Amino acid sequence: MESIPLIDGVDIVRASDMEVVPVSENDIEASLPRNYESKDGMLSSMLWDRVAAFANSRTVQLSLPKMSGQELNKGIEEGRGKMKKMMGMMMMGGAMKMAAMIPVAIAGLFVLAGKALIVSK
C-alpha cells in the first residue's frame, strides 16, 4: 500500500519505510494491567502511538493538472474581457443600492421631524 487516494489529485503517500512490527493479541493482553481504567489508558496511548507512527511515515501529495502556456494565457485574456463586460452591471448595482437608501433617509427625516415636534410642545 504505497499511496491512499483521498480525492482527485490528492494522495497520501508513504514517505519512509518505517517497519512496524505487528503485535499479536496475546502479547497485548499480557502487557496490559488488570485494572480497567489503567487498561483503557494504556490501550488509548497504544492507539495514539500507532496513529502518530502512521502520520509521521506519510506525506500528502498534491497533483495539479498539466497546462501549457497558451492555455494559461487564454484564461487571463478571458478574465479581463469578462470584467469589462461586468463593470456596467456593477455600477448599476451600486446605483440601485443608493436608490434603495432614499426611502430610508426620508423615514429618518420623518422621525427627526416628529421628535422635534414632540420636544417643542
Foldseek 3Di string as FASTA:
>chain_A
DAWADDDVQKIKGFADDDDDDDDDPVRLVVPFDPDPVSNVVVVVVVVVVVVVVVVVRIDIGGGDDDDDPVVVVVVVVVVVVVCVVCPVVVVVVVVVVVVVCVVVVVVVVVVVVVVVVVVVD
